[in-house]
C-alpha cells in the first residue's frame, strides 16, 4: 500500500496537530517539518523527521513527498501555497487561504496550471451538528429561510497575544474574522451561500494594546438565495469563551446550534420532524489558557488521502476557501470605509 507523504510548514500548535494526525493515519507518512525556529524551540522533538528552517531548504534537500501542509501565520499562507504549487506539490492550507481574494485567485489559477489539489482546512464542517444541519437545509426541511443569526463571543486577551508575536498584526494575522471566526463564516456560507448588502458597526473595546484591528462587530446582510442574516462577534469576553451559535428561523421551524464551538443542538423545533440522535462532538482544541475550535483535523487528513487516492473529493475546496476570504474582505471594506 503506497502512503501519501506529507511535509508540514509551521510547527506551532496547529502544525503539530497536523503532523500528529498524519502520523496516526495508516495511509499517511510525515516526512519533514519546516519552521524558522529550531526543532527544540518549537517543542517538536516528538517528530522523528528531518527539520528544515525554510521551504527553500526543504526543496533543495531533494526529499520525495506529495503534499505540503501550510500551518504558518495567516499572512504567509498564500505565498507559501503558491511556492508549494510551483514545486508541483498538493497543498493543505489552514484557514484562511489568504488575506485577500486576489491572493486566493492566484493559488486557484496556479493549481489548475499544475494539476494539483488545494484543500482548505475547515474542520468544523465535520462536527455532527454541522453535518446534521447541512442535511436539514439541503433537503429543504426548514423550507424557506427567513433569518440566520451567527453569534461568536470568545475570549482572547493578553494570554493569547504575546508581545512580538504575529497574532494581532495587520500583515500576519489580518483580523478577528480571519483568525477566530472564519470557521463559522464558512459554515454559514456552506449552508446558505453568498451574501450581499453588507452593513456593520465595529469597535475595539479592550485590544488597543494587543491588536491592529477591531475586537468586536455587528454585521447585517442579505443572502443572495433569500433571507437575511447577521453576524455578531467579539473577542472581548472576559476569562473564557462564551458561545459560538447559529440560530436559523425558517418557514417550517427554528433551529439553534450553540455551545462554545457550535457543538450542541440547543433547539430543534420543526413541524412534523423528529430530531435524530447525533454522534458526540469532539472537544475543542485545548491551548491551555484559551480554547479553539473542535479537534477534527483527523478527518481533514483522511479526506486529503482519500481524495488523492481517487476515492472522494475535497471537503472544502479552494473555491470555497476563496469565497470565505472574499466575504470577510467585503465585511472589512465596510469597516474601513467608516
Protein backbone atom coordinates (compact mmCIF):
# COMPACT_ATOMS: atom_id res chain seq x y z
CA UNK A 1 0.00 0.00 0.00
CA UNK A 2 1.61 3.28 -1.08
CA UNK A 3 1.44 6.03 1.51
CA UNK A 4 0.76 9.71 0.87
CA UNK A 5 3.83 11.66 2.01
CA UNK A 6 3.39 14.99 3.79
CA UNK A 7 5.67 17.88 4.79
CA UNK A 8 4.29 20.33 7.39
CA UNK A 9 5.24 24.03 7.21
CA UNK A 10 4.90 25.71 10.61
CA UNK A 11 5.41 23.79 13.85
CA UNK A 12 3.14 25.72 16.19
CA UNK A 13 0.01 24.28 17.87
CA UNK A 14 -1.80 23.60 14.59
CA UNK A 15 1.25 22.40 12.65
CA UNK A 16 2.00 19.84 15.36
CA UNK A 17 -1.64 18.72 15.29
CA UNK A 18 -1.42 18.19 11.52
CA UNK A 19 1.82 16.26 11.98
CA UNK A 20 0.27 14.05 14.65
CA UNK A 21 -2.84 13.31 12.57
CA UNK A 22 -0.66 12.41 9.56
CA UNK A 23 1.39 10.13 11.78
CA UNK A 24 -1.74 8.38 13.05
CA UNK A 25 -3.20 7.70 9.60
CA UNK A 26 -2.16 4.28 8.30
CA UNK A 27 -2.00 5.66 4.73
CA UNK A 28 -0.17 8.88 5.64
CA UNK A 29 3.52 9.45 6.24
CA UNK A 30 5.11 12.54 7.77
CA UNK A 31 8.46 13.05 6.03
CA UNK A 32 9.51 16.58 7.06
CA UNK A 33 8.67 19.65 9.15
CA UNK A 34 9.66 23.26 8.47
CA UNK A 35 9.82 26.20 10.87
CA UNK A 36 12.03 29.28 11.10
CA UNK A 37 12.59 28.36 14.74
CA UNK A 38 14.58 25.25 15.63
CA UNK A 39 13.06 21.87 16.41
CA UNK A 40 13.70 22.31 20.15
CA UNK A 41 12.22 25.80 20.29
CA UNK A 42 9.10 24.51 18.50
CA UNK A 43 8.85 21.65 21.02
CA UNK A 44 8.66 19.30 18.05
CA UNK A 45 11.20 16.75 19.31
CA UNK A 46 8.47 14.08 19.29
CA UNK A 47 8.53 14.08 15.49
CA UNK A 48 11.43 11.99 14.26
CA UNK A 49 11.66 13.52 10.77
CA UNK A 50 14.06 15.94 9.06
CA UNK A 51 13.51 19.52 10.24
CA UNK A 52 14.18 22.48 7.92
CA UNK A 53 14.20 26.23 8.57
CA UNK A 54 12.72 27.27 5.20
CA UNK A 55 10.70 25.86 2.32
CA UNK A 56 13.64 26.56 0.01
CA UNK A 57 15.86 24.35 2.19
CA UNK A 58 13.19 21.62 2.07
CA UNK A 59 13.04 21.70 -1.74
CA UNK A 60 16.82 21.77 -2.07
CA UNK A 61 17.05 18.63 0.09
CA UNK A 62 15.63 16.53 -2.75
CA UNK A 63 13.24 14.81 -0.32
CA UNK A 64 10.37 12.99 -2.03
CA UNK A 65 6.84 13.91 -0.89
CA UNK A 66 3.34 14.63 -2.23
CA UNK A 67 1.67 17.25 -0.04
CA UNK A 68 2.64 20.42 1.82
CA UNK A 69 0.51 21.41 4.82
CA UNK A 70 0.67 25.18 5.31
CA UNK A 71 0.24 25.86 9.06
CA UNK A 72 2.06 29.19 9.39
CA UNK A 73 0.73 32.68 10.32
CA UNK A 74 -2.22 33.78 8.15
CA UNK A 75 -0.31 36.37 6.13
CA UNK A 76 2.13 33.74 4.85
CA UNK A 77 -0.45 31.20 3.65
CA UNK A 78 -0.94 32.47 0.10
CA UNK A 79 2.73 32.92 -0.84
CA UNK A 80 3.70 29.56 0.68
CA UNK A 81 0.81 27.75 -1.02
CA UNK A 82 1.92 29.28 -4.34
CA UNK A 83 5.53 28.19 -3.74
CA UNK A 84 4.35 24.64 -2.99
CA UNK A 85 2.30 24.57 -6.22
CA UNK A 86 5.24 25.90 -8.22
CA UNK A 87 7.13 22.82 -6.99
CA UNK A 88 4.17 20.68 -8.10
CA UNK A 89 3.00 19.65 -4.64
CA UNK A 90 -0.59 19.34 -3.46
CA UNK A 91 -1.47 21.86 -0.74
CA UNK A 92 -3.39 21.61 2.52
CA UNK A 93 -3.89 25.21 3.68
CA UNK A 94 -5.00 26.17 7.16
CA UNK A 95 -7.63 28.88 7.29
CA UNK A 96 -7.65 31.49 5.96
CA UNK A 97 -6.46 30.56 2.47
CA UNK A 98 -5.13 34.11 2.12
CA UNK A 99 -5.87 37.62 3.34
CA UNK A 100 -7.35 38.80 0.03
CA UNK A 101 -9.48 37.38 -2.75
CA UNK A 102 -6.72 38.28 -5.23
CA UNK A 103 -4.14 36.13 -3.46
CA UNK A 104 -6.58 33.20 -3.36
CA UNK A 105 -7.33 33.55 -7.09
CA UNK A 106 -3.61 33.25 -7.84
CA UNK A 107 -3.50 29.98 -5.88
CA UNK A 108 -6.50 28.58 -7.78
CA UNK A 109 -5.03 29.62 -11.13
CA UNK A 110 -1.66 28.03 -10.33
CA UNK A 111 -3.29 24.81 -9.03
CA UNK A 112 -5.16 24.42 -12.32
CA UNK A 113 -1.96 25.09 -14.30
CA UNK A 114 -0.01 22.36 -12.48
CA UNK A 115 -2.99 19.97 -11.93
CA UNK A 116 -2.59 19.84 -8.15
CA UNK A 117 -5.24 19.89 -5.43
CA UNK A 118 -5.66 22.64 -2.84
CA UNK A 119 -7.51 21.62 0.33
CA UNK A 120 -8.70 24.33 2.73
CA UNK A 121 -8.92 23.38 6.40
CA UNK A 122 -12.44 24.00 7.71
CA UNK A 123 -12.65 21.19 10.22
CA UNK A 124 -15.89 22.41 11.83
CA UNK A 125 -17.76 21.02 8.81
CA UNK A 126 -17.09 17.57 10.27
CA UNK A 127 -18.83 18.13 13.60
CA UNK A 128 -22.08 16.11 13.93
CA UNK A 129 -24.30 19.22 14.40
CA UNK A 130 -22.77 20.79 11.23
CA UNK A 131 -23.31 17.64 9.17
CA UNK A 132 -26.87 17.37 10.50
CA UNK A 133 -27.85 21.00 9.80
CA UNK A 134 -26.29 20.78 6.31
CA UNK A 135 -28.64 17.88 5.52
CA UNK A 136 -31.65 19.70 7.01
CA UNK A 137 -31.00 22.80 4.89
CA UNK A 138 -30.06 20.89 1.70
CA UNK A 139 -33.15 18.68 1.93
CA UNK A 140 -35.40 21.74 2.36
CA UNK A 141 -36.79 20.51 5.68
CA UNK A 142 -36.79 24.05 7.12
CA UNK A 143 -38.49 25.37 4.00
CA UNK A 144 -37.76 28.95 3.02
CA UNK A 145 -35.01 30.52 5.16
CA UNK A 146 -36.12 33.76 6.78
CA UNK A 147 -33.36 34.74 9.22
CA UNK A 148 -29.95 33.49 10.29
CA UNK A 149 -28.08 34.88 13.28
CA UNK A 150 -24.47 33.94 13.95
CA UNK A 151 -23.09 34.83 17.41
CA UNK A 152 -19.36 34.37 18.11
CA UNK A 153 -18.36 35.55 21.58
CA UNK A 154 -14.87 34.44 22.56
CA UNK A 155 -12.10 35.32 24.97
CA UNK A 156 -8.77 36.43 23.52
CA UNK A 157 -6.71 38.51 25.96
CA UNK A 158 -3.07 39.09 26.97
CA UNK A 159 -2.63 35.32 27.44
CA UNK A 160 -3.19 34.89 23.70
CA UNK A 161 -1.45 37.96 22.26
CA UNK A 162 2.24 37.54 23.05
CA UNK A 163 4.45 40.62 22.64
CA UNK A 164 6.50 40.36 19.46
CA UNK A 165 4.31 37.55 18.06
CA UNK A 166 2.30 37.52 14.82
CA UNK A 167 -1.15 37.42 16.40
CA UNK A 168 -2.89 40.78 16.31
CA UNK A 169 -0.75 42.21 13.49
CA UNK A 170 -2.37 43.57 10.34
CA UNK A 171 0.02 41.82 7.93
CA UNK A 172 0.29 38.37 9.50
CA UNK A 173 -2.98 37.98 11.43
CA UNK A 174 -5.30 40.12 9.28
CA UNK A 175 -8.21 40.48 11.69
CA UNK A 176 -10.56 38.82 14.13
CA UNK A 177 -12.80 37.44 11.38
CA UNK A 178 -9.85 35.79 9.63
CA UNK A 179 -8.24 34.25 12.70
CA UNK A 180 -11.03 33.50 15.17
CA UNK A 181 -14.31 33.36 13.29
CA UNK A 182 -13.69 32.31 9.69
CA UNK A 183 -14.77 28.75 10.61
CA UNK A 184 -18.27 29.98 11.43
CA UNK A 185 -18.49 32.24 8.37
CA UNK A 186 -17.51 29.13 6.38
CA UNK A 187 -20.37 27.10 7.91
CA UNK A 188 -22.81 29.91 7.12
CA UNK A 189 -21.58 30.13 3.51
CA UNK A 190 -21.65 26.31 3.18
CA UNK A 191 -25.28 26.27 4.32
CA UNK A 192 -26.80 29.41 2.81
CA UNK A 193 -24.47 30.70 0.08
CA UNK A 194 -23.17 34.17 -0.65
CA UNK A 195 -24.24 37.45 0.95
CA UNK A 196 -24.98 40.98 -0.25
CA UNK A 197 -25.96 44.40 1.11
CA UNK A 198 -23.43 44.27 3.98
CA UNK A 199 -23.74 46.85 6.76
CA UNK A 200 -21.86 46.94 10.04
CA UNK A 201 -20.67 48.58 13.24
CA UNK A 202 -17.19 47.80 14.54
CA UNK A 203 -15.25 48.80 17.62
CA UNK A 204 -12.15 48.00 19.64
CA UNK A 205 -13.18 47.73 23.28
CA UNK A 206 -10.06 46.49 25.02
CA UNK A 207 -7.48 45.25 22.48
CA UNK A 208 -5.74 48.53 21.64
CA UNK A 209 -2.54 47.25 23.29
CA UNK A 210 -2.70 43.86 21.53
CA UNK A 211 -4.10 44.20 18.01
CA UNK A 212 -4.06 46.43 14.94
CA UNK A 213 -7.81 45.97 14.35
CA UNK A 214 -11.29 45.77 15.88
CA UNK A 215 -12.21 43.19 18.50
CA UNK A 216 -16.00 43.37 18.08
CA UNK A 217 -18.65 43.93 15.45
CA UNK A 218 -22.32 43.77 14.50
CA UNK A 219 -22.76 42.92 10.80
CA UNK A 220 -26.02 42.56 8.88
CA UNK A 221 -26.61 41.37 5.31
CA UNK A 222 -28.96 39.67 2.88
CA UNK A 223 -28.44 36.18 1.47
CA UNK A 224 -28.42 36.10 -2.31
CA UNK A 225 -30.53 32.90 -2.09
CA UNK A 226 -33.13 34.66 0.09
CA UNK A 227 -33.48 35.64 3.73
CA UNK A 228 -31.44 37.96 5.88
CA UNK A 229 -28.60 37.37 8.29
CA UNK A 230 -26.44 38.87 10.99
CA UNK A 231 -23.03 38.17 12.46
CA UNK A 232 -22.33 39.44 15.97
CA UNK A 233 -18.81 38.81 17.24
CA UNK A 234 -16.33 39.76 19.93
CA UNK A 235 -13.04 38.62 21.42
CA UNK A 236 -13.60 40.90 24.46
CA UNK A 237 -15.43 38.29 26.53
CA UNK A 238 -13.79 38.10 29.97
CA UNK A 239 -11.99 34.96 31.19
CA UNK A 240 -13.24 32.30 28.77
CA UNK A 241 -15.24 31.73 25.57
CA UNK A 242 -18.97 32.34 25.91
CA UNK A 243 -20.51 30.83 22.76
CA UNK A 244 -20.44 30.24 19.05
CA UNK A 245 -24.03 29.81 17.96
CA UNK A 246 -26.24 29.87 14.90
CA UNK A 247 -29.98 30.47 15.09
CA UNK A 248 -31.99 29.71 11.95
CA UNK A 249 -35.61 30.83 11.52
CA UNK A 250 -37.28 29.04 8.63
CA UNK A 251 -40.72 28.65 7.12
CA UNK A 252 -41.24 25.26 8.83
CA UNK A 253 -39.47 25.83 12.12
CA UNK A 254 -36.46 27.00 14.07
CA UNK A 255 -33.07 25.54 14.94
CA UNK A 256 -30.31 26.75 17.23
CA UNK A 257 -26.85 25.21 17.33
CA UNK A 258 -24.85 26.53 20.27
CA UNK A 259 -22.25 25.75 22.87
CA UNK A 260 -18.74 27.22 22.87
CA UNK A 261 -17.98 25.86 19.39
CA UNK A 262 -21.37 25.36 17.72
CA UNK A 263 -21.11 21.82 19.05
CA UNK A 264 -24.60 21.29 20.51
CA UNK A 265 -28.09 21.37 19.04
CA UNK A 266 -29.90 23.54 21.61
CA UNK A 267 -33.24 23.92 19.80
CA UNK A 268 -34.87 21.86 17.08
CA UNK A 269 -38.49 22.87 16.59
CA UNK A 270 -39.54 21.83 13.08
CA UNK A 271 -43.08 20.87 12.04
CA UNK A 272 -43.52 17.08 11.68
CA UNK A 273 -39.82 16.39 12.23
CA UNK A 274 -38.14 14.31 14.89
CA UNK A 275 -34.56 15.14 15.79
CA UNK A 276 -32.21 12.15 15.31
CA UNK A 277 -29.61 11.29 17.92
CA UNK A 278 -26.26 12.70 16.83
CA UNK A 279 -22.81 11.30 17.49
CA UNK A 280 -20.88 13.16 20.23
CA UNK A 281 -18.82 16.17 19.13
CA UNK A 282 -15.04 16.12 19.57
CA UNK A 283 -13.82 18.56 22.28
CA UNK A 284 -12.29 21.90 21.33
CA UNK A 285 -8.55 22.21 20.76
CA UNK A 286 -7.05 22.97 24.18
CA UNK A 287 -4.29 25.59 24.12
CA UNK A 288 -4.02 25.91 27.91
CA UNK A 289 -5.48 29.29 28.93
CA UNK A 290 -7.68 29.66 25.84
CA UNK A 291 -9.67 27.23 23.71
CA UNK A 292 -10.04 26.74 19.96
CA UNK A 293 -12.47 25.02 17.61
CA UNK A 294 -13.27 21.30 17.59
CA UNK A 295 -10.35 18.90 17.20
CA UNK A 296 -11.42 17.43 13.86
CA UNK A 297 -8.12 17.58 11.96
CA UNK A 298 -8.00 13.78 11.66
CA UNK A 299 -10.97 13.99 9.26
CA UNK A 300 -9.15 16.64 7.21
CA UNK A 301 -6.07 14.43 6.74
CA UNK A 302 -8.20 11.39 5.89
CA UNK A 303 -10.11 13.44 3.29
CA UNK A 304 -6.81 14.55 1.69
CA UNK A 305 -5.58 10.95 1.46
CA UNK A 306 -8.93 9.63 0.17
CA UNK A 307 -9.09 12.40 -2.46
CA UNK A 308 -5.52 11.83 -3.69
CA UNK A 309 -6.23 8.10 -3.91
CA UNK A 310 -9.31 8.81 -6.06
CA UNK A 311 -11.96 7.74 -3.55
CA UNK A 312 -13.66 11.08 -2.89
CA UNK A 313 -13.39 14.86 -3.43
CA UNK A 314 -12.16 17.66 -1.11
CA UNK A 315 -14.50 18.53 1.77
CA UNK A 316 -13.52 22.19 1.44
CA UNK A 317 -12.17 23.05 -1.99
CA UNK A 318 -10.10 26.07 -3.00
CA UNK A 319 -13.08 27.96 -4.43
CA UNK A 320 -14.94 27.70 -1.12
CA UNK A 321 -11.79 28.76 0.72
CA UNK A 322 -11.57 31.82 -1.51
CA UNK A 323 -15.27 32.69 -1.02
CA UNK A 324 -14.88 32.81 2.77
CA UNK A 325 -11.87 35.13 2.37
CA UNK A 326 -13.84 37.29 -0.06
CA UNK A 327 -16.82 37.58 2.32
CA UNK A 328 -14.50 38.67 5.17
CA UNK A 329 -12.71 41.11 2.87
CA UNK A 330 -16.06 42.66 1.88
CA UNK A 331 -17.11 42.98 5.54
CA UNK A 332 -13.80 44.67 6.32
CA UNK A 333 -14.27 47.08 3.41
CA UNK A 334 -17.43 48.28 5.18
CA UNK A 335 -15.40 48.68 8.40
CA UNK A 336 -12.57 50.55 6.66
CA UNK A 337 -14.99 52.92 4.93
CA UNK A 338 -16.31 54.16 8.28
